[in-house]
Amino acid sequence: PTEESRAVGELLAERADESGIEKAVFDRSGYKYHGRIEALAEGAREGGLQL
């Protein structure tokens, strides 16, 4: 599941870049920052999105 979350984060960053979005706010909605949540954020950062 974390690999899939990382891939979703990278896709999110790619689509944000296509839309001209460079920065975003990551609201984890009370979830702890680990596991899938962390992987999603890391994937987005690796994709070039500034969180």
Protein backbone atom coordinates (compact mmCIF):
# COMPACT_ATOMS: atom_id res chain seq x y z
CA PRO A 1 0.00 0.00 0.00
CA THR A 2 2.81 2.48 0.67
CA GLU A 3 4.25 1.94 -2.82
CA GLU A 4 0.85 2.72 -4.31
CA SER A 5 0.51 5.80 -2.11
CA ARG A 6 3.91 7.02 -3.26
CA ALA A 7 2.85 6.51 -6.89
CA VAL A 8 -0.34 8.51 -6.24
CA GLY A 9 1.77 11.30 -4.75
CA GLU A 10 4.02 11.36 -7.80
CA LEU A 11 0.97 11.45 -10.09
CA LEU A 12 -0.48 14.29 -8.02
CA ALA A 13 2.75 16.26 -8.44
CA GLU A 14 2.78 15.60 -12.18
CA ARG A 15 -0.80 16.80 -12.62
CA ALA A 16 -0.21 19.82 -10.41
CA ASP A 17 2.79 20.75 -12.57
CA GLU A 18 0.67 20.43 -15.72
CA SER A 19 -1.82 22.84 -14.13
CA GLY A 20 0.90 25.31 -13.16
CA ILE A 21 0.69 24.56 -9.44
CA GLU A 22 4.07 24.60 -7.71
CA LYS A 23 3.11 24.72 -4.03
CA ALA A 24 0.39 23.02 -2.01
CA VAL A 25 -0.65 22.61 1.61
CA PHE A 26 -0.83 19.05 2.92
CA ASP A 27 -3.62 18.72 5.49
CA ARG A 28 -3.51 15.23 6.98
CA SER A 29 -6.92 15.73 8.66
CA GLY A 30 -5.79 14.42 12.02
CA TYR A 31 -4.16 11.25 10.67
CA LYS A 32 -0.71 10.46 11.99
CA TYR A 33 2.13 11.26 9.61
CA HIS A 34 3.38 7.76 8.84
CA GLY A 35 2.69 4.86 6.53
CA ARG A 36 0.51 5.68 3.54
CA ILE A 37 0.12 9.35 4.49
CA GLU A 38 3.89 9.81 4.69
CA ALA A 39 4.42 7.89 1.43
CA LEU A 40 1.89 10.08 -0.39
CA ALA A 41 3.61 13.27 0.79
CA GLU A 42 7.08 11.95 -0.06
CA GLY A 43 5.92 10.89 -3.52
CA ALA A 44 4.51 14.35 -4.15
CA ARG A 45 7.76 15.97 -3.01
CA GLU A 46 9.84 13.64 -5.19
CA GLY A 47 7.61 14.58 -8.10
CA GLY A 48 8.54 18.22 -7.57
CA LEU A 49 5.54 19.54 -5.65
CA GLN A 50 6.51 21.80 -2.77
CA LEU A 51 4.47 20.98 0.32
